[in-house]
């Protein structure tokens, strides 16, 4: 995971550019106060814990008592480190699948559980982001609304269609891609395509077996609700920071702002959406055009935005890294069953 050594400093470059451009000094960020900052960190930690609890609930429902709830939740939280350090927040699912595979769970089952966990997260976050985009559009922030809506609608629709369609259709690697891989990869390429098609077929079989059941509908609904609650805590983290700087904002508006920023941060341009999320907050709240970074008087201050970003991104990076190394990537020896 040596690329993470480069990814984390790279994610700080946009923050440094913003700080230099607007002459933001460390004392400006520190002026937020230690208690509000810790409260914002706490709200973000609750979000991560809820994600972990949801994952544990899904795993234990479909796979049984694979491990303790706390261990399952910790692994899920640790997997967020991968999302924090990749463009477009992807990769956590591979850690989950890898860890479950180490526990002896077939790849198809572990993949399906990971996908169900992600789909509930994407669906909840996508709906909230779409709401944020519609509100931005109603308030005249045309460019911001267009970015938020195009990103959130595309990602949400794609995941939902693929997930629910998997119970009706067996997906395979597209023929064009399959031919290219086999042409250039020879025997190894043919093996990869065969294994991938088999993996996709098994996942679709899991979908057909589970999606129509009453239990699955209950699990999906509960997972969706937990995801909504977790996103609400994410919104609360910004409200805490903003209110301390004198920018009065309620929980709903704060939630809409961070979901709009999250949608903009999903653009695969920077590591972890760094710079995009910060601009997204300011643009959403102040109806800025895409080339205007000036902040009107009596509006949200860049120091509050940077303080929020540190609390909800850089602090969690440290926490999730520790959990990733300690739990998800630690060596595991299968017990001998006599």
Protein backbone atom coordinates (compact mmCIF):
# COMPACT_ATOMS: atom_id res chain seq x y z
CA UNK A 1 0.00 0.00 0.00
CA UNK A 2 2.92 2.31 -0.68
CA UNK A 3 0.79 4.47 -3.00
CA UNK A 4 -1.02 5.73 0.12
CA UNK A 5 2.19 7.46 1.20
CA UNK A 6 1.83 9.63 -1.90
CA UNK A 7 -1.97 9.83 -1.89
CA UNK A 8 -2.36 11.42 1.54
CA UNK A 9 0.11 14.31 0.97
CA UNK A 10 -1.40 14.78 -2.51
CA UNK A 11 -4.82 15.27 -0.93
CA UNK A 12 -3.39 18.15 1.12
CA UNK A 13 -2.27 20.19 -1.90
CA UNK A 14 -5.71 21.74 -2.62
CA UNK A 15 -6.06 22.64 1.07
CA UNK A 16 -2.69 24.41 1.02
CA UNK A 17 -3.62 26.27 -2.18
CA UNK A 18 -6.87 27.48 -0.61
CA UNK A 19 -5.04 28.54 2.56
CA UNK A 20 -2.42 30.50 0.60
CA UNK A 21 -4.94 32.06 -1.81
CA UNK A 22 -7.16 33.39 0.97
CA UNK A 23 -4.39 34.04 3.49
CA UNK A 24 -5.79 31.56 6.00
CA UNK A 25 -3.44 31.08 8.92
CA UNK A 26 -3.35 28.18 11.38
CA UNK A 27 -4.69 30.47 14.13
CA UNK A 28 -7.76 31.15 11.95
CA UNK A 29 -8.58 27.46 11.93
CA UNK A 30 -7.68 27.05 15.61
CA UNK A 31 -10.09 29.89 16.43
CA UNK A 32 -12.92 27.42 15.91
CA UNK A 33 -12.12 26.05 19.35
CA UNK A 34 -11.13 22.62 20.57
CA UNK A 35 -14.57 21.58 21.86
CA UNK A 36 -16.50 22.32 18.63
CA UNK A 37 -13.72 20.66 16.65
CA UNK A 38 -13.87 17.54 18.83
CA UNK A 39 -17.66 17.54 18.59
CA UNK A 40 -17.40 17.59 14.79
CA UNK A 41 -14.88 14.74 14.91
CA UNK A 42 -17.27 12.89 17.22
CA UNK A 43 -20.15 13.33 14.78
CA UNK A 44 -17.98 11.93 11.98
CA UNK A 45 -16.92 8.99 14.15
CA UNK A 46 -20.57 8.20 14.86
CA UNK A 47 -21.17 8.16 11.10
CA UNK A 48 -18.38 5.64 10.64
CA UNK A 49 -19.57 3.52 13.56
CA UNK A 50 -23.09 3.40 12.12
CA UNK A 51 -21.64 2.25 8.79
CA UNK A 52 -19.79 -0.47 10.66
CA UNK A 53 -22.88 -1.56 12.60
CA UNK A 54 -24.89 -1.74 9.37
CA UNK A 55 -22.22 -3.93 7.78
CA UNK A 56 -22.15 -6.22 10.83
CA UNK A 57 -25.94 -6.49 10.68
CA UNK A 58 -25.89 -7.45 6.99
CA UNK A 59 -23.04 -9.95 7.40
CA UNK A 60 -24.55 -11.71 10.39
CA UNK A 61 -27.95 -11.87 8.68
CA UNK A 62 -26.66 -13.61 5.54
CA UNK A 63 -23.44 -15.28 6.63
CA UNK A 64 -24.06 -16.00 10.30
CA UNK A 65 -21.74 -15.18 13.25
CA UNK A 66 -18.60 -14.79 11.13
CA UNK A 67 -17.10 -12.67 13.91
CA UNK A 68 -18.16 -10.34 16.70
CA UNK A 69 -20.21 -7.24 15.88
CA UNK A 70 -17.40 -5.00 17.11
CA UNK A 71 -14.82 -6.74 14.90
CA UNK A 72 -17.08 -6.61 11.84
CA UNK A 73 -17.82 -2.93 12.47
CA UNK A 74 -14.12 -2.19 12.94
CA UNK A 75 -13.20 -3.87 9.65
CA UNK A 76 -15.86 -1.89 7.82
CA UNK A 77 -14.64 1.34 9.38
CA UNK A 78 -11.05 0.50 8.46
CA UNK A 79 -12.04 -0.11 4.85
CA UNK A 80 -13.06 3.56 4.61
CA UNK A 81 -9.35 4.45 4.51
CA UNK A 82 -9.25 3.12 0.95
CA UNK A 83 -12.18 5.34 -0.02
CA UNK A 84 -10.55 8.36 1.60
CA UNK A 85 -7.41 7.93 -0.47
CA UNK A 86 -8.81 7.16 -3.93
CA UNK A 87 -10.56 9.35 -6.51
CA UNK A 88 -14.36 8.97 -6.50
CA UNK A 89 -14.34 7.24 -3.08
CA UNK A 90 -14.03 3.64 -4.34
CA UNK A 91 -12.17 0.58 -3.11
CA UNK A 92 -13.57 -0.15 0.36
CA UNK A 93 -15.54 -3.10 -0.97
CA UNK A 94 -12.34 -4.90 -2.00
CA UNK A 95 -11.04 -4.80 1.58
CA UNK A 96 -14.32 -6.23 2.84
CA UNK A 97 -14.30 -9.03 0.26
CA UNK A 98 -10.64 -9.79 1.00
CA UNK A 99 -11.24 -9.97 4.77
CA UNK A 100 -14.32 -12.17 4.47
CA UNK A 101 -12.43 -14.45 2.07
CA UNK A 102 -9.72 -14.85 4.72
CA UNK A 103 -12.45 -15.95 7.11
CA UNK A 104 -13.39 -18.75 4.71
CA UNK A 105 -16.42 -17.10 3.10
CA UNK A 106 -16.79 -17.86 -0.65
CA UNK A 107 -15.96 -14.88 -2.83
CA UNK A 108 -19.43 -14.77 -4.36
CA UNK A 109 -21.13 -14.51 -0.95
CA UNK A 110 -18.67 -11.97 0.44
CA UNK A 111 -19.01 -9.90 -2.75
CA UNK A 112 -22.80 -9.91 -2.58
CA UNK A 113 -22.78 -8.82 1.06
CA UNK A 114 -20.28 -6.04 0.25
CA UNK A 115 -22.41 -4.89 -2.69
CA UNK A 116 -25.59 -4.83 -0.57
CA UNK A 117 -23.76 -2.72 2.03
CA UNK A 118 -22.58 -0.29 -0.64
CA UNK A 119 -25.93 -0.08 -2.42
CA UNK A 120 -27.76 0.99 0.75
CA UNK A 121 -25.07 3.62 1.34
CA UNK A 122 -25.18 4.89 -2.23
CA UNK A 123 -28.98 4.91 -2.35
CA UNK A 124 -29.31 6.92 0.88
CA UNK A 125 -26.50 9.33 -0.01
CA UNK A 126 -27.71 9.63 -3.60
CA UNK A 127 -31.26 10.58 -2.63
CA UNK A 128 -29.99 13.21 -0.19
CA UNK A 129 -27.58 14.58 -2.82
CA UNK A 130 -30.38 14.75 -5.39
CA UNK A 131 -32.45 16.73 -2.87
CA UNK A 132 -29.49 19.06 -2.41
CA UNK A 133 -29.15 19.47 -6.18
CA UNK A 134 -32.84 20.31 -6.57
CA UNK A 135 -32.65 22.91 -3.79
CA UNK A 136 -29.55 24.43 -5.40
CA UNK A 137 -31.41 24.64 -8.70
CA UNK A 138 -34.41 26.30 -7.02
CA UNK A 139 -32.05 28.89 -5.49
CA UNK A 140 -30.46 29.76 -8.82
CA UNK A 141 -27.13 27.95 -8.38
CA UNK A 142 -27.38 26.48 -11.88
CA UNK A 143 -23.80 25.27 -12.34
CA UNK A 144 -23.56 23.80 -8.83
CA UNK A 145 -26.95 22.11 -9.24
CA UNK A 146 -25.94 20.67 -12.62
CA UNK A 147 -22.77 19.12 -11.20
CA UNK A 148 -24.48 17.77 -8.08
CA UNK A 149 -27.46 16.34 -9.97
CA UNK A 150 -25.49 14.84 -12.87
CA UNK A 151 -23.03 13.13 -10.51
CA UNK A 152 -25.54 11.90 -7.93
CA UNK A 153 -28.20 10.79 -10.43
CA UNK A 154 -25.66 8.89 -12.55
CA UNK A 155 -23.97 7.07 -9.63
CA UNK A 156 -27.22 6.28 -7.79
CA UNK A 157 -29.07 5.09 -10.89
CA UNK A 158 -26.17 2.94 -12.09
CA UNK A 159 -25.78 1.13 -8.76
CA UNK A 160 -29.52 0.61 -8.26
CA UNK A 161 -30.14 -0.68 -11.78
CA UNK A 162 -27.19 -3.07 -11.71
CA UNK A 163 -28.08 -4.34 -8.24
CA UNK A 164 -31.76 -5.03 -8.83
CA UNK A 165 -31.21 -6.17 -12.42
CA UNK A 166 -28.77 -8.78 -11.15
CA UNK A 167 -31.74 -10.77 -9.83
CA UNK A 168 -33.28 -10.86 -13.31
CA UNK A 169 -30.23 -11.23 -15.55
CA UNK A 170 -26.87 -12.95 -15.36
CA UNK A 171 -24.13 -10.41 -16.08
CA UNK A 172 -20.97 -11.39 -17.93
CA UNK A 173 -17.89 -9.47 -19.06
CA UNK A 174 -18.86 -7.48 -22.20
CA UNK A 175 -17.83 -9.34 -25.33
CA UNK A 176 -15.59 -6.54 -26.63
CA UNK A 177 -13.60 -6.36 -23.38
CA UNK A 178 -13.51 -10.16 -23.15
CA UNK A 179 -12.04 -10.48 -26.64
CA UNK A 180 -9.36 -7.84 -25.95
CA UNK A 181 -8.29 -9.44 -22.66
CA UNK A 182 -8.10 -12.89 -24.23
CA UNK A 183 -6.27 -11.59 -27.29
CA UNK A 184 -3.52 -9.83 -25.35
CA UNK A 185 -3.55 -12.00 -22.24
CA UNK A 186 -3.53 -15.37 -24.03
CA UNK A 187 -4.06 -18.25 -21.57
CA UNK A 188 -3.88 -15.98 -18.56
CA UNK A 189 -6.42 -13.64 -20.12
CA UNK A 190 -8.80 -16.51 -20.83
CA UNK A 191 -8.45 -17.68 -17.23
CA UNK A 192 -9.20 -14.18 -15.91
CA UNK A 193 -12.32 -13.86 -18.08
CA UNK A 194 -13.52 -17.32 -17.08
CA UNK A 195 -13.04 -16.61 -13.38
CA UNK A 196 -14.67 -13.19 -13.65
CA UNK A 197 -17.71 -14.54 -15.50
CA UNK A 198 -18.07 -17.31 -12.94
CA UNK A 199 -17.82 -14.78 -10.10
CA UNK A 200 -20.48 -12.54 -11.69
CA UNK A 201 -22.75 -15.51 -12.32
CA UNK A 202 -22.52 -16.55 -8.66
CA UNK A 203 -23.33 -13.03 -7.48
CA UNK A 204 -26.40 -12.92 -9.75
CA UNK A 205 -27.47 -16.29 -8.35
CA UNK A 206 -27.19 -14.82 -4.84
CA UNK A 207 -29.37 -11.91 -5.94
CA UNK A 208 -32.02 -14.21 -7.39
CA UNK A 209 -31.99 -16.27 -4.23
CA UNK A 210 -32.21 -13.38 -1.78
CA UNK A 211 -33.63 -10.18 -3.28
CA UNK A 212 -37.25 -11.27 -3.50
CA UNK A 213 -37.46 -12.55 0.07
CA UNK A 214 -39.19 -10.78 2.93
CA UNK A 215 -35.99 -10.92 4.97
CA UNK A 216 -33.97 -9.16 2.26
CA UNK A 217 -36.53 -6.38 1.98
CA UNK A 218 -36.27 -5.91 5.75
CA UNK A 219 -32.45 -5.90 5.64
CA UNK A 220 -32.39 -3.41 2.76
CA UNK A 221 -34.87 -1.09 4.53
CA UNK A 222 -32.97 -1.21 7.83
CA UNK A 223 -29.66 -0.70 6.03
CA UNK A 224 -31.11 2.27 4.18
CA UNK A 225 -32.39 3.83 7.42
CA UNK A 226 -29.01 3.36 9.14
CA UNK A 227 -27.31 4.97 6.14
CA UNK A 228 -29.66 7.98 6.28
CA UNK A 229 -28.94 8.43 10.00
CA UNK A 230 -25.19 8.16 9.39
CA UNK A 231 -25.37 10.86 6.69
CA UNK A 232 -27.32 13.09 9.10
CA UNK A 233 -24.42 12.92 11.54
CA UNK A 234 -22.12 13.86 8.66
CA UNK A 235 -24.28 16.94 8.11
CA UNK A 236 -24.20 17.73 11.84
CA UNK A 237 -20.40 17.82 11.77
CA UNK A 238 -20.42 20.86 9.48
CA UNK A 239 -23.22 22.61 11.39
CA UNK A 240 -21.15 22.39 14.59
CA UNK A 241 -18.08 23.96 12.96
CA UNK A 242 -19.99 26.60 10.98
CA UNK A 243 -22.08 27.83 13.91
CA UNK A 244 -18.94 28.31 15.99
CA UNK A 245 -17.57 30.73 13.35
CA UNK A 246 -20.76 32.82 13.41
CA UNK A 247 -22.32 31.34 10.28
CA UNK A 248 -25.71 30.22 11.57
CA UNK A 249 -27.01 27.15 9.75
CA UNK A 250 -29.57 24.54 10.77
CA UNK A 251 -29.12 20.78 10.52
CA UNK A 252 -31.14 20.37 7.30
CA UNK A 253 -29.26 23.08 5.39
CA UNK A 254 -25.96 21.75 6.72
CA UNK A 255 -26.88 18.25 5.57
CA UNK A 256 -27.82 19.52 2.12
CA UNK A 257 -24.54 21.46 1.88
CA UNK A 258 -22.32 18.50 2.77
CA UNK A 259 -24.26 16.14 0.48
CA UNK A 260 -23.89 18.60 -2.38
CA UNK A 261 -20.19 18.88 -1.59
CA UNK A 262 -19.91 15.10 -1.39
CA UNK A 263 -21.47 14.75 -4.85
CA UNK A 264 -19.00 17.27 -6.28
CA UNK A 265 -16.17 15.46 -4.49
CA UNK A 266 -17.20 12.27 -6.28
CA UNK A 267 -15.81 13.66 -9.52
CA UNK A 268 -12.70 11.53 -10.25
CA UNK A 269 -10.31 14.47 -10.27
CA UNK A 270 -8.56 14.60 -6.91
CA UNK A 271 -7.67 12.12 -4.15
CA UNK A 272 -10.58 11.78 -1.75
CA UNK A 273 -12.34 14.73 -3.40
CA UNK A 274 -9.81 17.08 -1.81
CA UNK A 275 -10.42 20.67 -2.91
CA UNK A 276 -13.64 19.69 -4.67
CA UNK A 277 -15.52 19.07 -1.42
CA UNK A 278 -14.30 22.34 0.09
CA UNK A 279 -15.30 24.31 -2.99
CA UNK A 280 -18.58 22.42 -3.08
CA UNK A 281 -19.54 23.61 0.40
CA UNK A 282 -18.78 27.24 -0.40
CA UNK A 283 -20.36 27.09 -3.84
CA UNK A 284 -23.50 25.46 -2.55
CA UNK A 285 -24.03 27.89 0.33
CA UNK A 286 -23.13 31.03 -1.59
CA UNK A 287 -24.46 30.24 -5.09
CA UNK A 288 -21.07 30.92 -6.64
CA UNK A 289 -20.27 30.46 -10.30
CA UNK A 290 -17.55 27.88 -11.08
CA UNK A 291 -14.77 30.44 -11.49
CA UNK A 292 -15.60 32.72 -8.57
CA UNK A 293 -13.98 31.78 -5.27
CA UNK A 294 -14.64 35.12 -3.57
CA UNK A 295 -16.79 34.73 -0.48
CA UNK A 296 -19.39 37.46 0.20
CA UNK A 297 -19.39 39.20 3.58
CA UNK A 298 -21.45 37.53 6.32
CA UNK A 299 -21.15 34.19 4.55
CA UNK A 300 -19.35 30.96 5.35
CA UNK A 301 -15.65 31.44 5.98
CA UNK A 302 -12.94 29.35 4.37
CA UNK A 303 -11.41 28.68 7.81
CA UNK A 304 -14.65 26.95 8.88
CA UNK A 305 -14.61 24.86 5.71
CA UNK A 306 -11.00 23.81 6.26
CA UNK A 307 -11.67 23.08 9.93
CA UNK A 308 -14.60 20.89 8.94
CA UNK A 309 -12.49 19.10 6.34
CA UNK A 310 -9.77 18.34 8.87
CA UNK A 311 -12.34 17.01 11.34
CA UNK A 312 -14.18 14.82 8.83
CA UNK A 313 -11.37 13.74 6.52
CA UNK A 314 -7.85 13.97 7.93
CA UNK A 315 -8.64 12.82 11.47
CA UNK A 316 -10.72 9.86 10.18
CA UNK A 317 -7.86 8.93 7.82
CA UNK A 318 -5.68 8.25 10.86
CA UNK A 319 -8.41 6.32 12.71
CA UNK A 320 -9.41 4.21 9.70
CA UNK A 321 -5.78 3.49 8.85
CA UNK A 322 -5.19 2.08 12.34
CA UNK A 323 -8.33 -0.06 12.10
CA UNK A 324 -7.40 -1.23 8.60
CA UNK A 325 -3.96 -2.41 9.65
CA UNK A 326 -5.04 -3.81 13.00
CA UNK A 327 -8.16 -5.65 11.84
CA UNK A 328 -8.68 -5.96 8.08
CA UNK A 329 -5.08 -6.58 7.01
CA UNK A 330 -3.86 -8.51 10.04
CA UNK A 331 -2.89 -12.15 9.60
CA UNK A 332 -5.63 -14.65 10.21
CA UNK A 333 -5.19 -18.34 10.87
CA UNK A 334 -8.21 -20.54 10.34
CA UNK A 335 -8.95 -22.62 13.43
CA UNK A 336 -8.42 -26.35 13.17
CA UNK A 337 -11.73 -28.14 13.47
CA UNK A 338 -11.27 -31.71 14.63
